[in-house]
Protein backbone atom coordinates (compact mmCIF):
# COMPACT_ATOMS: atom_id res chain seq x y z
CA MET A 1 23.33 50.44 -113.62
CA LYS A 2 23.86 46.91 -112.34
CA ARG A 3 21.26 47.43 -109.61
CA ALA A 4 18.82 48.79 -112.15
CA LEU A 5 19.30 45.76 -114.38
CA THR A 6 18.80 43.45 -111.37
CA PHE A 7 15.56 45.25 -110.53
CA ILE A 8 14.35 44.97 -114.13
CA ALA A 9 15.15 41.24 -114.18
CA ALA A 10 13.29 40.69 -110.90
CA ALA A 11 10.31 42.65 -112.18
CA ALA A 12 10.30 40.60 -115.38
CA THR A 13 10.30 37.37 -113.36
CA ALA A 14 7.43 38.61 -111.21
CA ALA A 15 5.49 39.64 -114.32
CA ALA A 16 6.04 36.21 -115.85
CA LEU A 17 4.71 34.52 -112.71
CA LEU A 18 1.61 36.70 -112.74
CA ALA A 19 1.09 36.20 -116.46
CA SER A 20 1.22 32.40 -116.31
CA ASN A 21 -0.98 32.13 -113.20
CA PRO A 22 -1.43 28.32 -113.31
CA GLU A 23 -4.68 26.83 -112.08
CA LEU A 24 -4.39 24.66 -108.96
CA VAL A 25 -5.93 21.18 -109.22
CA GLY A 26 -6.80 19.48 -105.94
CA HIS A 27 -5.33 15.96 -106.15
CA ARG A 28 -7.97 13.39 -105.16
CA GLY A 29 -9.80 16.36 -103.70
CA SER A 30 -7.09 17.57 -101.35
CA GLY A 31 -4.54 16.32 -98.84
CA TYR A 32 -7.03 16.83 -96.03
CA GLY A 33 -9.49 14.06 -95.21
CA VAL A 34 -9.40 10.56 -96.67
CA GLU A 35 -8.54 10.87 -100.36
CA ASN A 36 -11.42 10.88 -102.84
CA THR A 37 -14.05 11.35 -100.13
CA ALA A 38 -16.67 14.07 -99.78
CA ASP A 39 -14.69 15.68 -96.94
CA SER A 40 -11.56 15.81 -99.08
CA PHE A 41 -13.43 17.37 -102.01
CA ARG A 42 -15.15 19.96 -99.84
CA LYS A 43 -11.83 20.87 -98.23
CA GLY A 44 -10.36 21.33 -101.70
CA ILE A 45 -13.07 23.86 -102.47
CA GLU A 46 -12.43 25.57 -99.13
CA LEU A 47 -8.73 25.82 -100.02
CA GLY A 48 -9.68 27.61 -103.21
CA TYR A 49 -8.88 24.95 -105.81
CA ARG A 50 -10.78 25.78 -108.99
CA TYR A 51 -10.28 22.22 -110.25
CA LEU A 52 -10.81 18.99 -108.26
CA GLU A 53 -9.33 15.70 -109.50
CA THR A 54 -10.69 12.26 -108.76
CA ASP A 55 -10.38 8.66 -109.99
CA ILE A 56 -13.42 6.58 -110.88
CA LYS A 57 -14.28 2.88 -110.89
CA PHE A 58 -17.44 0.75 -111.09
CA THR A 59 -18.86 -1.23 -108.18
CA LYS A 60 -20.40 -4.70 -108.51
CA ASP A 61 -23.83 -3.08 -108.95
CA THR A 62 -22.39 -0.80 -111.68
CA ILE A 63 -22.29 2.43 -109.70
CA LEU A 64 -19.39 4.78 -110.40
CA VAL A 65 -17.48 5.66 -107.25
CA CYS A 66 -14.40 7.75 -106.52
CA SER A 67 -11.44 5.47 -105.88
CA HIS A 68 -7.85 5.25 -107.04
CA ASP A 69 -7.45 1.56 -106.15
CA ASP A 70 -9.29 -1.62 -107.06
CA THR A 71 -9.75 -2.40 -103.36
CA THR A 72 -10.26 -0.45 -100.16
CA GLU A 73 -7.37 -2.23 -98.40
CA ARG A 74 -4.89 0.68 -98.51
CA LEU A 75 -7.50 2.81 -96.74
CA GLY A 76 -8.26 0.28 -94.03
CA GLY A 77 -11.06 -1.64 -95.75
CA LYS A 78 -11.34 -5.22 -96.95
CA LEU A 79 -13.40 -5.04 -100.14
CA ALA A 80 -12.71 -5.27 -103.86
CA LEU A 81 -14.78 -2.67 -105.67
CA ALA A 82 -15.75 -4.97 -108.54
CA ASP A 83 -17.03 -7.59 -106.07
CA ALA A 84 -18.90 -5.30 -103.65
CA THR A 85 -22.10 -3.28 -103.90
CA LEU A 86 -22.24 0.42 -103.13
CA GLU A 87 -24.10 -0.35 -99.91
CA GLN A 88 -21.34 -2.73 -98.80
CA LEU A 89 -18.61 -0.26 -99.70
CA GLN A 90 -20.24 2.64 -97.91
CA ALA A 91 -20.66 0.51 -94.79
CA GLU A 92 -16.88 0.45 -94.44
CA GLU A 93 -15.13 3.20 -92.51
CA LEU A 94 -12.06 4.26 -94.47
CA ARG A 95 -8.99 5.54 -92.63
CA GLN A 96 -5.91 7.44 -93.75
CA ASN A 97 -3.06 9.26 -92.02
CA ARG A 98 -2.04 12.32 -93.99
CA ASN A 99 0.69 14.65 -92.87
CA GLY A 100 0.50 13.25 -89.34
CA ILE A 101 -3.28 13.59 -88.99
CA ASP A 102 -5.68 10.61 -88.85
CA TYR A 103 -8.82 10.94 -90.95
CA THR A 104 -11.88 8.75 -91.45
CA GLY A 105 -14.47 8.78 -94.21
CA ARG A 106 -16.77 6.81 -96.53
CA ILE A 107 -16.45 6.05 -100.21
CA CYS A 108 -17.97 8.79 -102.36
CA THR A 109 -20.13 8.22 -105.43
CA PHE A 110 -19.30 9.91 -108.70
CA ASP A 111 -22.69 11.65 -108.62
CA GLU A 112 -21.98 13.12 -105.19
CA TYR A 113 -18.55 14.29 -106.32
CA LEU A 114 -20.09 16.07 -109.31
CA ASP A 115 -22.67 17.72 -107.05
CA ILE A 116 -19.93 18.93 -104.70
CA CYS A 117 -17.97 20.37 -107.63
CA ARG A 118 -21.03 22.05 -109.12
CA ASP A 119 -22.24 23.50 -105.81
CA GLY A 120 -18.74 24.69 -104.92
CA GLY A 121 -17.97 26.20 -108.31
CA ALA A 122 -15.14 23.73 -109.03
CA ILE A 123 -14.36 22.04 -112.33
CA PRO A 124 -14.19 18.23 -112.18
CA VAL A 125 -11.00 16.58 -113.42
CA ILE A 126 -11.97 12.95 -113.90
CA GLU A 127 -9.20 10.38 -114.21
CA LEU A 128 -10.33 7.21 -115.94
CA LYS A 129 -8.79 4.24 -114.16
CA TYR A 130 -9.02 0.69 -115.49
CA THR A 131 -12.58 -0.50 -114.76
CA ALA A 132 -15.40 -2.40 -116.46
CA GLY A 133 -16.12 -0.93 -119.89
CA ILE A 134 -13.57 1.87 -119.44
CA ASN A 135 -10.20 0.35 -120.15
CA ARG A 136 -7.60 -0.36 -122.81
CA ASN A 137 -9.67 -3.16 -124.33
CA ASP A 138 -13.26 -1.99 -123.85
CA THR A 139 -14.88 1.45 -124.10
CA SER A 140 -18.50 0.27 -123.88
CA ASN A 141 -19.24 2.10 -120.61
CA ILE A 142 -17.93 5.49 -121.69
CA PRO A 143 -21.38 6.55 -123.00
CA ARG A 144 -22.74 5.79 -119.54
CA LEU A 145 -20.14 8.10 -118.01
CA ILE A 146 -21.01 10.86 -120.47
CA ALA A 147 -24.73 10.39 -119.73
CA ILE A 148 -24.06 11.05 -116.04
CA LEU A 149 -22.15 14.21 -116.92
CA ASP A 150 -25.02 15.28 -119.17
CA SER A 151 -27.55 14.68 -116.38
CA LYS A 152 -25.57 17.12 -114.23
CA GLY A 153 -25.08 19.60 -117.06
CA MET A 154 -21.32 19.14 -116.81
CA ARG A 155 -20.15 17.57 -120.06
CA ASP A 156 -18.68 20.89 -121.17
CA LYS A 157 -17.59 21.84 -117.65
CA CYS A 158 -15.15 19.05 -116.86
CA VAL A 159 -11.78 17.60 -117.86
CA ILE A 160 -11.31 13.92 -118.70
CA LEU A 161 -7.83 12.64 -117.83
CA THR A 162 -6.29 9.22 -118.48
CA SER A 163 -3.25 7.33 -119.72
CA GLN A 164 -5.55 4.95 -121.65
CA LYS A 165 -5.11 6.20 -125.20
CA ASN A 166 -8.01 4.28 -126.72
CA CYS A 167 -10.43 5.87 -124.23
CA LEU A 168 -9.25 9.34 -125.21
CA GLU A 169 -9.54 8.49 -128.90
CA TYR A 170 -13.06 7.17 -128.36
CA ILE A 171 -14.16 10.32 -126.53
CA ARG A 172 -12.51 12.65 -129.04
CA SER A 173 -14.23 10.82 -131.91
CA ASN A 174 -17.69 10.59 -130.33
CA TYR A 175 -17.75 13.69 -128.12
CA PRO A 176 -15.40 16.05 -129.99
CA GLY A 177 -15.95 19.15 -127.87
CA MET A 178 -14.78 17.73 -124.56
CA THR A 179 -11.64 18.88 -122.76
CA LEU A 180 -9.17 15.99 -122.53
CA GLN A 181 -5.74 15.47 -120.95
CA PHE A 182 -3.28 12.65 -121.60
CA LEU A 183 -1.55 11.40 -118.45
CA THR A 184 2.11 10.64 -119.03
CA GLY A 185 5.59 10.83 -117.57
CA LYS A 186 9.11 10.01 -118.67
CA TYR A 187 8.13 9.06 -122.23
CA TRP A 188 5.89 12.03 -123.03
CA ALA A 189 7.87 12.74 -126.22
CA ASN A 190 6.78 9.38 -127.69
CA HIS A 191 3.18 10.61 -127.60
CA PHE A 192 3.61 14.24 -128.63
CA ASP A 193 2.49 13.89 -132.25
CA TRP A 194 -0.50 11.79 -131.17
CA CYS A 195 -1.53 14.48 -128.66
CA VAL A 196 -1.33 17.13 -131.37
CA GLU A 197 -3.33 14.99 -133.80
CA ASN A 198 -6.09 14.38 -131.24
CA ARG A 199 -6.01 17.88 -129.69
CA LEU A 200 -5.13 16.56 -126.24
CA ASP A 201 -3.68 18.64 -123.45
CA VAL A 202 -1.12 16.81 -121.33
CA ASP A 203 -0.53 16.01 -117.66
CA ILE A 204 3.14 15.14 -117.10
CA GLN A 205 4.70 13.77 -113.93
CA LYS A 206 7.17 16.19 -112.36
CA GLY A 207 10.83 15.44 -112.92
CA HIS A 208 10.35 14.37 -116.53
CA PHE A 209 10.13 17.65 -118.44
CA ASP A 210 11.43 21.22 -118.63
CA LYS A 211 10.47 24.61 -120.02
CA GLU A 212 11.27 23.53 -123.56
CA THR A 213 8.68 20.79 -123.17
CA VAL A 214 6.05 23.29 -122.03
CA ASP A 215 6.92 25.60 -124.92
CA LYS A 216 6.67 22.70 -127.36
CA PHE A 217 3.12 21.88 -126.26
CA HIS A 218 2.14 25.56 -126.11
CA ASN A 219 3.42 26.10 -129.65
CA ALA A 220 1.10 23.26 -130.71
CA GLY A 221 -1.84 24.98 -128.99
CA LEU A 222 -1.96 22.51 -126.08
CA LYS A 223 -1.92 23.06 -122.31
CA VAL A 224 0.36 21.45 -119.73
CA ASN A 225 -0.55 20.10 -116.29
CA VAL A 226 2.05 18.75 -113.81
CA TRP A 227 1.54 16.22 -111.01
CA THR A 228 1.89 16.11 -108.04
CA VAL A 229 3.50 19.25 -106.58
CA ASN A 230 3.33 20.38 -102.93
CA ASP A 231 6.58 22.23 -102.28
CA PRO A 232 6.29 26.05 -102.74
CA GLU A 233 9.69 26.24 -104.46
CA GLU A 234 8.63 23.58 -106.94
CA VAL A 235 5.35 25.40 -107.53
CA LYS A 236 7.36 28.53 -108.31
CA ALA A 237 9.62 26.61 -110.70
CA PHE A 238 6.71 25.08 -112.63
CA THR A 239 4.99 28.46 -112.72
CA GLU A 240 8.12 29.97 -114.26
CA MET A 241 8.13 27.16 -116.83
CA GLY A 242 4.67 28.33 -117.86
CA CYS A 243 2.62 25.30 -116.77
CA ASP A 244 -1.11 25.91 -117.13
CA PHE A 245 -2.13 23.62 -114.25
CA ILE A 246 -0.41 22.41 -111.10
CA THR A 247 -1.91 19.34 -109.41
CA THR A 248 -1.35 19.46 -105.66
CA ASP A 249 -2.40 17.85 -102.40
CA ARG A 250 -2.05 20.88 -100.16
CA TYR A 251 -0.34 23.88 -101.77
CA THR A 252 -2.25 27.19 -101.54
CA GLU A 253 -1.33 30.86 -101.95
CA LYS A 254 -1.28 31.00 -98.15
CA THR A 255 1.32 28.20 -98.16
CA ALA A 256 3.54 30.28 -100.40
CA ASN A 257 3.42 33.25 -98.04
CA ASN A 258 4.37 31.30 -94.90
């Protein structure tokens, strides 16, 4: 009887894992290649990620590019994005060591990123970093961002992600049908009612929530993403919690089976 109950419990756990089936989101494309570059995005598609996350900022000549930082220094460059043209930025060779492998690459434009996602069948997850006209004090360039998405036919085929609440409120008010996620961490509970009011899914840093948190958002009709998870055991744990998305640098189903 005890063995039968153990088998039933194991089967129930397996069924729960299959039922939740979280989507994998490639963090800054993937952990292969220099982050936020075309190579990294294409590798993310090769790995099977249905969603590809990036960060965007404006250059001096007001071109949106994929970059987490305000400068290229962390990746071996010398330029500040706001003070350099796209031509100057793309002349730099970016370098990054990831998991013991040295990679090189060039800065990627937002347009190119969208093309890679569209051609590879991936859904863009666009994190709004603080940049000109897209920040906590100024939303004047958000229509320009939406116009680019419209030109690619991707306004309804993307996710906008940010911790900048006013940007999310602006988009929800002016472009009500878009899929939005609020980026948060330890203090997610302080923003729960606001997320419900504005119909915002949530992306919570790992280590700051549990299954009750996931259930709370699900009961409000909202989805939960978690960042950034690479360990197979952690992926399993967040799957069991019922997370809808898992943002990762390098986890794949193949990883789990090795």
